Amino acid sequence: MEPVDIQYTKLRWCLTIAGLLLYVGDIGTDIGLAVRYFQKGDSVWAGLTLAFALAGLLVTQIFSYAWYEDDRNDPVMSAVGKPTVSGLSKGRLAVLHLSGMGIFSRYYLLLKKGFKVLWTSPHSNAAAERNDADHCLFCMATDLSMLKLFETFLESVPQLLLQLYILLAHGGSSVLQYLSMAFSFFNIAWSLVDYRRCLRRSLPRIAAMPSGLPTAIYLLYKFCTITSHILSYTLLLALSPYSSIGLTVLWLLGTTWTHVLQTDFCSSPKLEPLYRAVIGVILTFTFFNVKGQDAMVPMTIYYLFYFFVNVTAPLLLGLLKPEWQTDPFLLTVSGVIFGGSVLGLCFLVLYYGFLHPKETQRQADEVDGVDVVVKPTRATRRRNNFLQPG
């Protein structure tokens, strides 16, 4: 297997800025699109567009603040009751999150610490000291990527589904609508790969994800399967808006499944139901290993159902609405759904059959320094108990 990237590099620091710009662009275009709908008198579309943007924003603020509190009260990471976290007082953190700026505070702290380590620290630092700094940066990046994953499936994915439905079922389009969908697409792709790479790198005893071909194949697998699934749901909604009831049922099934598995992610039991509800949304659109266990059977069942939905949606629309049968747009979308489904499953088999890092532990060496015993913290616990890539 090719070597993995074991350092937090300057390229990664620059890519963090790219991720921030994508996040701002995604939120900005959605808000702009909601304003445009209001101006045109389409209050329903404006309300839904804004609701998805606010849902993602609200949930990320809740979890971000809860994780800051975990770190502040963790005796391993800091003195119990320490008044500040990363230089931010409890009051300031509360104000930042109430104003919706919590995720930006994490971007700021990651970029600030990364700049200090990569550009201003003396190059003569001991290897162990640099390894500790790199690990800390990856942990900060992992927390951010986990929040971005929530935001992606609560905002970007539903937003993309909504805008595609409006475009397909109600006609009319604008540059801003296309920009919103483009930013959603790129934000989805970015968050999936960034999350997977950062999470595996932040857990010292887990094999890191190799760069290059494995990352590209994983991205293509997720991108093809999620895109084709979103398009299938769009066709079902175009067939009947009551298909939204079916999506709600799927969300309930996913949420119930997480309850059955008894997830133990949140340090506060009050937040666990919210976490499970969010995972239900994610499972509506793509598969993740909820508890890090052997997922071959549930993954197989999931993608059999996925393929059934993707095949059925275009056929139902064509059969129940004959006027759509010769519509070039439907033919194009159907081709993308079938092609994306087949390619996505092929990439899935290719990745897990040949490219997935199969070893459960990285070998300790002088460069990586993973032979050092990492003390358990609340932060380590949440990364261990978070969704595992699937």
Protein backbone atom coordinates (compact mmCIF):
# COMPACT_ATOMS: atom_id res chain seq x y z
CA MET A 1 0.00 0.00 0.00
CA GLU A 2 1.28 3.47 -0.83
CA PRO A 3 2.48 5.70 1.99
CA VAL A 4 -0.10 7.83 3.71
CA ASP A 5 0.11 11.50 4.48
CA ILE A 6 1.00 11.54 8.18
CA GLN A 7 1.62 15.26 8.61
CA TYR A 8 -0.65 18.25 8.64
CA THR A 9 0.82 19.97 5.62
CA LYS A 10 0.65 23.46 4.20
CA LEU A 11 -1.53 22.04 1.41
CA ARG A 12 -4.03 20.81 3.99
CA TRP A 13 -4.02 24.26 5.60
CA CYS A 14 -4.79 25.87 2.23
CA LEU A 15 -7.50 23.31 1.54
CA THR A 16 -9.11 24.28 4.85
CA ILE A 17 -9.51 27.78 3.41
CA ALA A 18 -11.06 26.23 0.29
CA GLY A 19 -13.50 24.31 2.49
CA LEU A 20 -14.40 27.52 4.31
CA LEU A 21 -15.07 29.30 1.01
CA LEU A 22 -17.28 26.43 -0.15
CA TYR A 23 -19.22 26.58 3.11
CA VAL A 24 -19.73 30.34 2.85
CA GLY A 25 -20.69 30.07 -0.82
CA ASP A 26 -23.20 27.30 -0.11
CA ILE A 27 -24.91 29.20 2.70
CA GLY A 28 -24.72 32.52 0.86
CA THR A 29 -26.29 31.28 -2.37
CA ASP A 30 -29.08 29.53 -0.45
CA ILE A 31 -29.96 32.69 1.47
CA GLY A 32 -29.79 34.73 -1.73
CA LEU A 33 -32.05 32.23 -3.46
CA ALA A 34 -34.57 32.38 -0.59
CA VAL A 35 -34.66 36.18 -0.89
CA ARG A 36 -35.21 35.87 -4.63
CA TYR A 37 -38.13 33.49 -4.12
CA PHE A 38 -39.69 35.91 -1.62
CA GLN A 39 -39.35 38.74 -4.13
CA LYS A 40 -41.08 36.64 -6.79
CA GLY A 41 -43.91 35.74 -4.40
CA ASP A 42 -42.92 32.05 -4.11
CA SER A 43 -43.21 32.02 -0.34
CA VAL A 44 -43.33 28.21 -0.05
CA TRP A 45 -40.05 27.73 -1.93
CA ALA A 46 -38.49 30.63 -0.05
CA GLY A 47 -39.55 29.19 3.29
CA LEU A 48 -38.26 25.68 2.51
CA THR A 49 -34.97 27.00 1.11
CA LEU A 50 -34.41 29.09 4.22
CA ALA A 51 -35.60 26.31 6.56
CA PHE A 52 -32.98 23.85 5.27
CA ALA A 53 -30.23 26.46 5.61
CA LEU A 54 -31.28 27.25 9.18
CA ALA A 55 -31.69 23.58 10.15
CA GLY A 56 -28.09 22.79 9.25
CA LEU A 57 -26.87 25.96 10.96
CA LEU A 58 -28.81 25.30 14.18
CA VAL A 59 -27.75 21.69 14.62
CA THR A 60 -24.06 22.42 13.99
CA GLN A 61 -24.15 25.22 16.58
CA ILE A 62 -25.68 22.90 19.18
CA PHE A 63 -23.11 20.16 18.72
CA SER A 64 -20.19 22.57 18.35
CA TYR A 65 -20.98 24.23 21.67
CA ALA A 66 -21.54 20.87 23.37
CA TRP A 67 -18.12 19.67 22.18
CA TYR A 68 -16.43 22.85 23.39
CA GLU A 69 -18.05 22.21 26.79
CA ASP A 70 -16.82 18.60 26.73
CA ASP A 71 -13.27 19.79 26.11
CA ARG A 72 -13.53 22.50 28.79
CA ASN A 73 -14.73 20.04 31.42
CA ASP A 74 -12.44 17.17 30.46
CA PRO A 75 -9.74 16.74 33.16
CA VAL A 76 -7.42 15.05 30.67
CA MET A 77 -7.49 17.97 28.24
CA SER A 78 -7.64 20.85 30.72
CA ALA A 79 -8.20 21.67 34.34
CA VAL A 80 -11.80 20.96 35.31
CA GLY A 81 -13.89 24.10 34.99
CA LYS A 82 -11.18 25.97 33.07
CA PRO A 83 -12.79 29.27 32.07
CA THR A 84 -11.52 29.22 28.49
CA VAL A 85 -11.28 26.80 25.57
CA SER A 86 -8.60 27.58 23.00
CA GLY A 87 -8.48 31.09 24.36
CA LEU A 88 -12.25 31.65 24.13
CA SER A 89 -14.20 32.22 27.35
CA LYS A 90 -17.42 30.34 28.03
CA GLY A 91 -19.46 33.51 27.62
CA ARG A 92 -17.81 34.36 24.32
CA LEU A 93 -18.37 30.83 23.06
CA ALA A 94 -22.05 31.07 23.97
CA VAL A 95 -22.42 34.38 22.14
CA LEU A 96 -20.61 33.02 19.06
CA HIS A 97 -22.88 29.99 18.87
CA LEU A 98 -26.08 31.92 19.55
CA SER A 99 -25.16 34.19 16.65
CA GLY A 100 -24.50 31.20 14.39
CA MET A 101 -20.74 31.75 14.27
CA GLY A 102 -19.65 28.62 16.14
CA ILE A 103 -18.38 26.78 13.10
CA PHE A 104 -16.48 29.89 11.98
CA SER A 105 -14.75 29.99 15.38
CA ARG A 106 -13.50 26.45 14.68
CA TYR A 107 -12.23 27.45 11.24
CA TYR A 108 -10.47 30.44 12.80
CA LEU A 109 -8.79 28.42 15.55
CA LEU A 110 -7.69 25.67 13.15
CA LEU A 111 -6.25 28.13 10.64
CA LYS A 112 -4.58 30.15 13.39
CA LYS A 113 -2.92 27.14 15.04
CA GLY A 114 -2.04 25.61 11.67
CA PHE A 115 -0.37 28.83 10.53
CA LYS A 116 1.63 28.98 13.76
CA VAL A 117 2.80 25.36 13.45
CA LEU A 118 3.50 25.38 9.72
CA TRP A 119 4.91 28.83 9.08
CA THR A 120 6.11 30.45 12.31
CA SER A 121 7.38 27.58 14.48
CA PRO A 122 11.13 26.92 14.37
CA HIS A 123 12.04 24.09 12.02
CA SER A 124 14.37 22.67 14.67
CA ASN A 125 11.47 21.44 16.80
CA ALA A 126 11.83 17.88 18.01
CA ALA A 127 10.04 15.24 15.96
CA ALA A 128 7.87 14.22 18.93
CA GLU A 129 6.79 17.84 19.45
CA ARG A 130 5.88 18.23 15.79
CA ASN A 131 3.98 14.93 15.84
CA ASP A 132 1.95 16.15 18.81
CA ALA A 133 1.18 19.40 16.98
CA ASP A 134 0.15 17.52 13.83
CA HIS A 135 -2.11 15.21 15.83
CA CYS A 136 -3.73 18.18 17.57
CA LEU A 137 -4.40 19.84 14.21
CA PHE A 138 -5.95 16.68 12.81
CA CYS A 139 -8.17 16.39 15.90
CA MET A 140 -9.36 19.99 15.43
CA ALA A 141 -9.92 19.31 11.73
CA THR A 142 -11.87 16.14 12.56
CA ASP A 143 -14.27 17.96 14.88
CA LEU A 144 -14.82 20.52 12.14
CA SER A 145 -15.32 17.84 9.48
CA MET A 146 -17.86 16.02 11.68
CA LEU A 147 -19.86 19.24 12.03
CA LYS A 148 -19.57 19.82 8.29
CA LEU A 149 -20.95 16.34 7.69
CA PHE A 150 -24.03 17.23 9.76
CA GLU A 151 -24.42 20.50 7.87
CA THR A 152 -24.05 18.76 4.52
CA PHE A 153 -26.89 16.29 5.07
CA LEU A 154 -29.18 18.74 6.85
CA GLU A 155 -28.65 21.60 4.42
CA SER A 156 -26.73 20.87 1.20
CA VAL A 157 -28.34 17.53 0.32
CA PRO A 158 -31.98 18.53 1.05
CA GLN A 159 -31.35 21.88 -0.65
CA LEU A 160 -30.12 20.13 -3.76
CA LEU A 161 -33.16 17.85 -3.73
CA LEU A 162 -35.50 20.83 -3.32
CA GLN A 163 -33.96 22.90 -6.12
CA LEU A 164 -33.91 19.94 -8.50
CA TYR A 165 -37.57 19.29 -7.73
CA ILE A 166 -38.49 22.94 -8.39
CA LEU A 167 -36.54 22.85 -11.64
CA LEU A 168 -38.05 19.56 -12.81
CA ALA A 169 -41.67 19.85 -11.65
CA HIS A 170 -42.29 23.58 -11.87
CA GLY A 171 -39.93 24.83 -14.54
CA GLY A 172 -38.11 28.11 -14.52
CA SER A 173 -34.51 28.57 -13.52
CA SER A 174 -32.02 31.26 -12.63
CA VAL A 175 -28.27 31.66 -12.39
CA LEU A 176 -28.57 31.82 -8.61
CA GLN A 177 -30.46 28.51 -8.56
CA TYR A 178 -27.73 26.82 -10.58
CA LEU A 179 -25.06 28.36 -8.34
CA SER A 180 -26.86 27.06 -5.26
CA MET A 181 -26.98 23.53 -6.71
CA ALA A 182 -23.33 23.70 -7.80
CA PHE A 183 -22.15 24.79 -4.35
CA SER A 184 -24.27 22.03 -2.79
CA PHE A 185 -22.67 19.42 -5.07
CA PHE A 186 -19.13 20.54 -4.29
CA ASN A 187 -19.88 20.91 -0.58
CA ILE A 188 -21.20 17.33 -0.45
CA ALA A 189 -18.13 15.93 -2.20
CA TRP A 190 -15.73 17.96 -0.09
CA SER A 191 -17.27 17.13 3.28
CA LEU A 192 -17.41 13.38 2.60
CA VAL A 193 -13.74 13.02 1.70
CA ASP A 194 -12.47 15.54 4.25
CA TYR A 195 -14.40 13.82 7.03
CA ARG A 196 -13.16 10.37 6.10
CA ARG A 197 -9.50 11.37 5.86
CA CYS A 198 -9.47 13.53 9.00
CA LEU A 199 -11.32 11.03 11.18
CA ARG A 200 -9.00 8.14 10.36
CA ARG A 201 -5.92 10.33 10.83
CA SER A 202 -7.08 11.64 14.24
CA LEU A 203 -7.41 8.11 15.71
CA PRO A 204 -3.82 6.92 16.26
CA ARG A 205 -4.55 3.20 16.16
CA ILE A 206 -6.61 3.29 12.96
CA ALA A 207 -5.02 2.96 9.54
CA ALA A 208 -5.03 6.28 7.74
CA MET A 209 -6.70 6.62 4.38
CA PRO A 210 -4.13 6.63 1.56
CA SER A 211 -4.21 9.61 -0.78
CA GLY A 212 -4.43 9.40 -4.55
CA LEU A 213 -6.42 6.56 -6.12
CA PRO A 214 -8.17 5.26 -2.93
CA THR A 215 -9.43 8.73 -2.09
CA ALA A 216 -10.58 9.34 -5.67
CA ILE A 217 -12.41 5.99 -5.88
CA TYR A 218 -14.10 6.57 -2.51
CA LEU A 219 -15.21 10.03 -3.63
CA LEU A 220 -16.60 8.64 -6.90
CA TYR A 221 -18.44 5.87 -5.04
CA LYS A 222 -20.12 8.33 -2.69
CA PHE A 223 -20.69 10.99 -5.32
CA CYS A 224 -22.34 8.61 -7.81
CA THR A 225 -24.55 6.84 -5.27
CA ILE A 226 -25.71 10.00 -3.50
CA THR A 227 -26.33 11.92 -6.74
CA SER A 228 -28.34 9.13 -8.32
CA HIS A 229 -30.35 8.70 -5.11
CA ILE A 230 -31.15 12.42 -4.91
CA LEU A 231 -32.29 12.38 -8.54
CA SER A 232 -34.50 9.34 -7.86
CA TYR A 233 -36.15 11.07 -4.92
CA THR A 234 -36.63 14.11 -7.16
CA LEU A 235 -38.52 12.04 -9.73
CA LEU A 236 -40.70 10.51 -7.00
CA LEU A 237 -41.54 13.99 -5.71
CA ALA A 238 -42.31 15.09 -9.28
CA LEU A 239 -44.66 12.11 -9.55
CA SER A 240 -46.44 13.21 -6.38
CA PRO A 241 -45.55 15.64 -3.59
CA TYR A 242 -46.96 13.00 -1.23
CA SER A 243 -43.76 11.06 -1.86
CA SER A 244 -42.36 13.29 0.88
CA ILE A 245 -44.30 11.06 3.28
CA GLY A 246 -42.23 8.14 2.03
CA LEU A 247 -39.02 10.11 2.67
CA THR A 248 -40.25 10.82 6.18
CA VAL A 249 -40.85 7.10 6.72
CA LEU A 250 -37.30 6.35 5.54
CA TRP A 251 -35.98 8.95 8.00
CA LEU A 252 -37.97 7.33 10.80
CA LEU A 253 -36.61 3.90 9.88
CA GLY A 254 -33.04 5.21 9.92
CA THR A 255 -33.60 6.95 13.24
CA THR A 256 -35.20 3.84 14.73
CA TRP A 257 -32.26 1.76 13.54
CA THR A 258 -29.85 4.01 15.45
CA HIS A 259 -32.05 3.60 18.55
CA VAL A 260 -31.95 -0.18 18.13
CA LEU A 261 -28.15 -0.05 17.90
CA GLN A 262 -28.05 2.07 21.08
CA THR A 263 -25.56 4.65 19.87
CA ASP A 264 -23.45 6.22 22.62
CA PHE A 265 -22.01 9.30 20.95
CA CYS A 266 -23.01 12.26 23.13
CA SER A 267 -21.64 12.84 26.61
CA SER A 268 -25.03 14.34 27.49
CA PRO A 269 -27.93 11.84 27.23
CA LYS A 270 -30.21 14.73 26.29
CA LEU A 271 -28.36 15.23 23.02
CA GLU A 272 -28.30 11.57 21.96
CA PRO A 273 -31.88 11.62 20.49
CA LEU A 274 -30.90 14.64 18.36
CA TYR A 275 -27.78 12.83 17.17
CA ARG A 276 -29.85 9.76 16.25
CA ALA A 277 -32.38 11.91 14.39
CA VAL A 278 -29.55 13.50 12.37
CA ILE A 279 -28.12 10.07 11.57
CA GLY A 280 -31.60 9.09 10.34
CA VAL A 281 -31.41 11.95 7.83
CA ILE A 282 -27.95 10.85 6.67
CA LEU A 283 -29.07 7.24 6.22
CA THR A 284 -31.93 8.47 4.02
CA PHE A 285 -29.37 9.47 1.41
CA THR A 286 -26.30 7.27 1.93
CA PHE A 287 -24.92 4.43 4.02
CA PHE A 288 -22.66 4.89 7.03
CA ASN A 289 -21.51 2.40 9.63
CA VAL A 290 -23.41 3.67 12.67
CA LYS A 291 -21.42 1.87 15.38
CA GLY A 292 -18.18 0.86 13.69
CA GLN A 293 -19.08 -2.83 13.57
CA ASP A 294 -19.04 -5.33 10.71
CA ALA A 295 -21.38 -3.64 8.23
CA MET A 296 -21.38 -6.06 5.29
CA VAL A 297 -24.94 -7.33 5.85
CA PRO A 298 -26.62 -3.96 6.54
CA MET A 299 -24.64 -2.35 3.71
CA THR A 300 -25.77 -5.06 1.27
CA ILE A 301 -29.42 -4.66 2.34
CA TYR A 302 -29.15 -0.88 2.11
CA TYR A 303 -27.76 -0.85 -1.42
CA LEU A 304 -30.21 -3.47 -2.66
CA PHE A 305 -32.99 -1.13 -1.54
CA TYR A 306 -31.08 1.81 -3.00
CA PHE A 307 -30.87 0.12 -6.41
CA PHE A 308 -34.56 -0.82 -6.27
CA VAL A 309 -35.58 2.81 -5.64
CA ASN A 310 -33.30 4.10 -8.39
CA VAL A 311 -34.70 1.68 -10.94
CA THR A 312 -38.32 2.14 -9.87
CA ALA A 313 -38.49 5.95 -9.75
CA PRO A 314 -37.97 6.67 -13.49
CA LEU A 315 -40.20 3.74 -14.49
CA LEU A 316 -43.06 4.89 -12.26
CA LEU A 317 -42.89 8.46 -13.55
CA GLY A 318 -42.88 7.26 -17.15
CA LEU A 319 -45.75 4.82 -16.63
CA LEU A 320 -48.02 6.99 -14.47
CA LYS A 321 -47.37 10.21 -16.38
CA PRO A 322 -47.19 9.21 -20.07
CA GLU A 323 -46.61 12.82 -21.13
CA TRP A 324 -43.16 12.55 -19.57
CA GLN A 325 -42.12 9.52 -21.63
CA THR A 326 -40.67 11.55 -24.48
CA ASP A 327 -39.45 14.45 -22.38
CA PRO A 328 -35.70 14.82 -23.09
CA PHE A 329 -35.05 16.03 -19.54
CA LEU A 330 -36.58 12.87 -18.02
CA LEU A 331 -34.61 10.70 -20.42
CA THR A 332 -31.41 12.49 -19.46
CA VAL A 333 -32.09 12.25 -15.73
CA SER A 334 -33.02 8.57 -16.05
CA GLY A 335 -29.74 7.90 -17.85
CA VAL A 336 -27.80 9.69 -15.11
CA ILE A 337 -29.64 7.69 -12.43
CA PHE A 338 -28.99 4.30 -14.05
CA GLY A 339 -25.41 5.15 -14.97
CA GLY A 340 -24.66 6.66 -11.57
CA SER A 341 -26.17 3.67 -9.77
CA VAL A 342 -24.10 1.14 -11.68
CA LEU A 343 -20.91 3.18 -11.50
CA GLY A 344 -21.41 3.93 -7.82
CA LEU A 345 -21.81 0.26 -6.93
CA CYS A 346 -18.81 -0.66 -9.09
CA PHE A 347 -16.68 1.93 -7.31
CA LEU A 348 -17.97 0.62 -3.97
CA VAL A 349 -16.86 -2.93 -4.80
CA LEU A 350 -13.54 -1.68 -6.16
CA TYR A 351 -12.81 0.41 -3.08
CA TYR A 352 -13.76 -2.13 -0.42
CA GLY A 353 -12.39 -5.06 -2.40
CA PHE A 354 -8.96 -3.65 -3.24
CA LEU A 355 -8.27 -0.16 -1.87
CA HIS A 356 -9.76 -0.02 1.62
CA PRO A 357 -7.06 0.08 4.37
CA LYS A 358 -7.67 -3.32 5.90
CA GLU A 359 -5.25 -3.22 8.82
CA THR A 360 -6.85 -2.10 12.05
CA GLN A 361 -3.73 -0.42 13.42
CA ARG A 362 -0.93 1.69 12.06
CA GLN A 363 2.49 0.33 12.83
CA ALA A 364 4.36 2.40 15.38
CA ASP A 365 7.48 4.05 14.08
CA GLU A 366 9.71 6.99 14.84
CA VAL A 367 8.05 9.18 12.23
CA ASP A 368 4.44 8.55 13.12
CA GLY A 369 4.90 8.23 16.82
CA VAL A 370 1.68 6.27 17.31
CA ASP A 371 3.30 3.97 19.81
CA VAL A 372 2.64 6.59 22.45
CA VAL A 373 -0.36 5.64 24.55
CA VAL A 374 -3.08 8.25 24.00
CA LYS A 375 -5.02 9.05 27.15
CA PRO A 376 -8.77 8.70 26.68
CA THR A 377 -10.61 12.00 26.45
CA ARG A 378 -14.15 13.02 25.68
CA ALA A 379 -12.91 14.20 22.30
CA THR A 380 -11.35 10.80 21.56
CA ARG A 381 -14.56 9.13 22.69
CA ARG A 382 -16.76 11.12 20.33
CA ARG A 383 -14.45 10.41 17.39
CA ASN A 384 -14.43 6.71 18.20
CA ASN A 385 -18.22 6.64 18.54
CA PHE A 386 -19.04 8.80 15.55
CA LEU A 387 -20.26 7.47 12.21
CA GLN A 388 -17.64 5.28 10.60
CA PRO A 389 -17.23 5.70 6.83
CA GLY A 390 -19.26 3.26 4.81
